[in-house]
C-alpha atoms as a PDB file:
ATOM      1  CA  UNK A   1     -47.688 167.144 -15.431  1.00  0.00           C
ATOM      2  CA  UNK A   2     -48.906 165.221 -18.431  1.00  0.00           C
ATOM      3  CA  UNK A   3     -51.519 162.610 -19.086  1.00  0.00           C
ATOM      4  CA  UNK A   4     -50.076 159.327 -20.314  1.00  0.00           C
ATOM      5  CA  UNK A   5     -51.343 157.810 -23.553  1.00  0.00           C
ATOM      6  CA  UNK A   6     -52.833 154.320 -23.287  1.00  0.00           C
ATOM      7  CA  UNK A   7     -52.248 151.518 -25.790  1.00  0.00           C
ATOM      8  CA  UNK A   8     -55.843 151.886 -26.984  1.00  0.00           C
ATOM      9  CA  UNK A   9     -55.388 155.611 -27.586  1.00  0.00           C
ATOM     10  CA  UNK A  10     -52.096 154.964 -29.363  1.00  0.00           C
ATOM     11  CA  UNK A  11     -53.859 152.736 -31.906  1.00  0.00           C
ATOM     12  CA  UNK A  12     -56.060 155.645 -33.010  1.00  0.00           C
ATOM     13  CA  UNK A  13     -53.318 158.272 -33.301  1.00  0.00           C
ATOM     14  CA  UNK A  14     -51.657 159.583 -36.428  1.00  0.00           C
ATOM     15  CA  UNK A  15     -47.867 159.396 -36.775  1.00  0.00           C
ATOM     16  CA  UNK A  16     -47.690 163.153 -36.148  1.00  0.00           C
ATOM     17  CA  UNK A  17     -49.720 162.812 -32.941  1.00  0.00           C
ATOM     18  CA  UNK A  18     -47.478 159.957 -31.780  1.00  0.00           C
ATOM     19  CA  UNK A  19     -44.320 162.004 -32.322  1.00  0.00           C
ATOM     20  CA  UNK A  20     -45.859 164.941 -30.487  1.00  0.00           C
ATOM     21  CA  UNK A  21     -46.928 162.726 -27.577  1.00  0.00           C
ATOM     22  CA  UNK A  22     -43.432 161.265 -27.383  1.00  0.00           C
ATOM     23  CA  UNK A  23     -41.872 164.745 -27.307  1.00  0.00           C
ATOM     24  CA  UNK A  24     -44.259 165.668 -24.497  1.00  0.00           C
ATOM     25  CA  UNK A  25     -43.299 162.565 -22.505  1.00  0.00           C
ATOM     26  CA  UNK A  26     -46.811 161.151 -22.769  1.00  0.00           C
ATOM     27  CA  UNK A  27     -45.707 157.717 -24.072  1.00  0.00           C
ATOM     28  CA  UNK A  28     -43.538 156.769 -21.094  1.00  0.00           C
ATOM     29  CA  UNK A  29     -46.067 154.281 -19.682  1.00  0.00           C
ATOM     30  CA  UNK A  30     -46.620 152.536 -23.041  1.00  0.00           C
ATOM     31  CA  UNK A  31     -42.879 152.387 -23.712  1.00  0.00           C
ATOM     32  CA  UNK A  32     -42.175 150.966 -20.255  1.00  0.00           C
ATOM     33  CA  UNK A  33     -40.109 153.933 -19.168  1.00  0.00           C
ATOM     34  CA  UNK A  34     -40.017 154.950 -15.524  1.00  0.00           C
ATOM     35  CA  UNK A  35     -42.636 157.532 -14.674  1.00  0.00           C
ATOM     36  CA  UNK A  36     -41.908 160.352 -12.283  1.00  0.00           C
ATOM     37  CA  UNK A  37     -44.350 162.509 -10.399  1.00  0.00           C
ATOM     38  CA  UNK A  38     -43.729 166.011 -11.678  1.00  0.00           C
ATOM     39  CA  UNK A  39     -45.918 168.472  -9.737  1.00  0.00           C
ATOM     40  CA  UNK A  40     -48.553 170.249 -11.814  1.00  0.00           C
ATOM     41  CA  UNK A  41     -48.011 173.555 -10.000  1.00  0.00           C
ATOM     42  CA  UNK A  42     -45.271 175.487  -8.265  1.00  0.00           C
ATOM     43  CA  UNK A  43     -41.556 175.849  -8.821  1.00  0.00           C
ATOM     44  CA  UNK A  44     -39.584 172.880 -10.093  1.00  0.00           C
ATOM     45  CA  UNK A  45     -36.198 171.713  -8.904  1.00  0.00           C
ATOM     46  CA  UNK A  46     -33.108 170.507 -10.701  1.00  0.00           C
ATOM     47  CA  UNK A  47     -34.133 166.961  -9.728  1.00  0.00           C
ATOM     48  CA  UNK A  48     -37.440 167.413 -11.564  1.00  0.00           C
ATOM     49  CA  UNK A  49     -35.577 168.519 -14.689  1.00  0.00           C
ATOM     50  CA  UNK A  50     -33.643 165.264 -14.848  1.00  0.00           C
ATOM     51  CA  UNK A  51     -36.933 163.418 -15.369  1.00  0.00           C
ATOM     52  CA  UNK A  52     -38.530 165.807 -17.854  1.00  0.00           C
ATOM     53  CA  UNK A  53     -38.523 165.901 -21.633  1.00  0.00           C
ATOM     54  CA  UNK A  54     -37.189 168.975 -23.429  1.00  0.00           C
ATOM     55  CA  UNK A  55     -40.787 169.850 -24.330  1.00  0.00           C
ATOM     56  CA  UNK A  56     -41.846 169.695 -20.676  1.00  0.00           C
ATOM     57  CA  UNK A  57     -38.890 171.861 -19.653  1.00  0.00           C
ATOM     58  CA  UNK A  58     -39.787 174.527 -22.214  1.00  0.00           C
ATOM     59  CA  UNK A  59     -43.414 174.478 -21.051  1.00  0.00           C
ATOM     60  CA  UNK A  60     -42.306 174.844 -17.425  1.00  0.00           C
ATOM     61  CA  UNK A  61     -39.958 177.705 -18.309  1.00  0.00           C
ATOM     62  CA  UNK A  62     -42.678 179.503 -20.260  1.00  0.00           C
ATOM     63  CA  UNK A  63     -45.054 179.094 -17.310  1.00  0.00           C
ATOM     64  CA  UNK A  64     -42.489 180.642 -14.947  1.00  0.00           C
ATOM     65  CA  UNK A  65     -42.024 177.381 -13.034  1.00  0.00           C
ATOM     66  CA  UNK A  66     -38.238 177.485 -13.396  1.00  0.00           C
ATOM     67  CA  UNK A  67     -37.745 181.081 -12.278  1.00  0.00           C
ATOM     68  CA  UNK A  68     -36.166 180.247  -8.914  1.00  0.00           C
ATOM     69  CA  UNK A  69     -33.906 177.610 -10.443  1.00  0.00           C
ATOM     70  CA  UNK A  70     -32.789 179.916 -13.248  1.00  0.00           C
ATOM     71  CA  UNK A  71     -32.065 182.711 -10.769  1.00  0.00           C
ATOM     72  CA  UNK A  72     -30.110 180.260  -8.622  1.00  0.00           C
ATOM     73  CA  UNK A  73     -32.050 181.010  -5.469  1.00  0.00           C
ATOM     74  CA  UNK A  74     -34.142 177.867  -4.987  1.00  0.00           C
ATOM     75  CA  UNK A  75     -34.435 177.028  -1.325  1.00  0.00           C
ATOM     76  CA  UNK A  76     -32.213 179.894  -0.251  1.00  0.00           C
ATOM     77  CA  UNK A  77     -34.904 182.214   1.015  1.00  0.00           C
ATOM     78  CA  UNK A  78     -34.224 185.923   1.188  1.00  0.00           C
ATOM     79  CA  UNK A  79     -30.616 186.975   1.476  1.00  0.00           C
ATOM     80  CA  UNK A  80     -29.842 190.272   3.159  1.00  0.00           C
END
């Protein structure tokens, strides 16, 4: 879902860029945090949310990738 920043890239970034990258979850590799494979497309699950930053969650919501979760119908199919 997001490209991780390398140590070399980090050295060339401004403080503002570093804060933004951290908010986006793009410093996880450099900081030694566990990295999770968040799909780049499709609906996301509650499990995905537990591994996402607030910034990533807002982006996913704005892109409509949380619609099923927010409606409460993920994995339920069509109810009649």
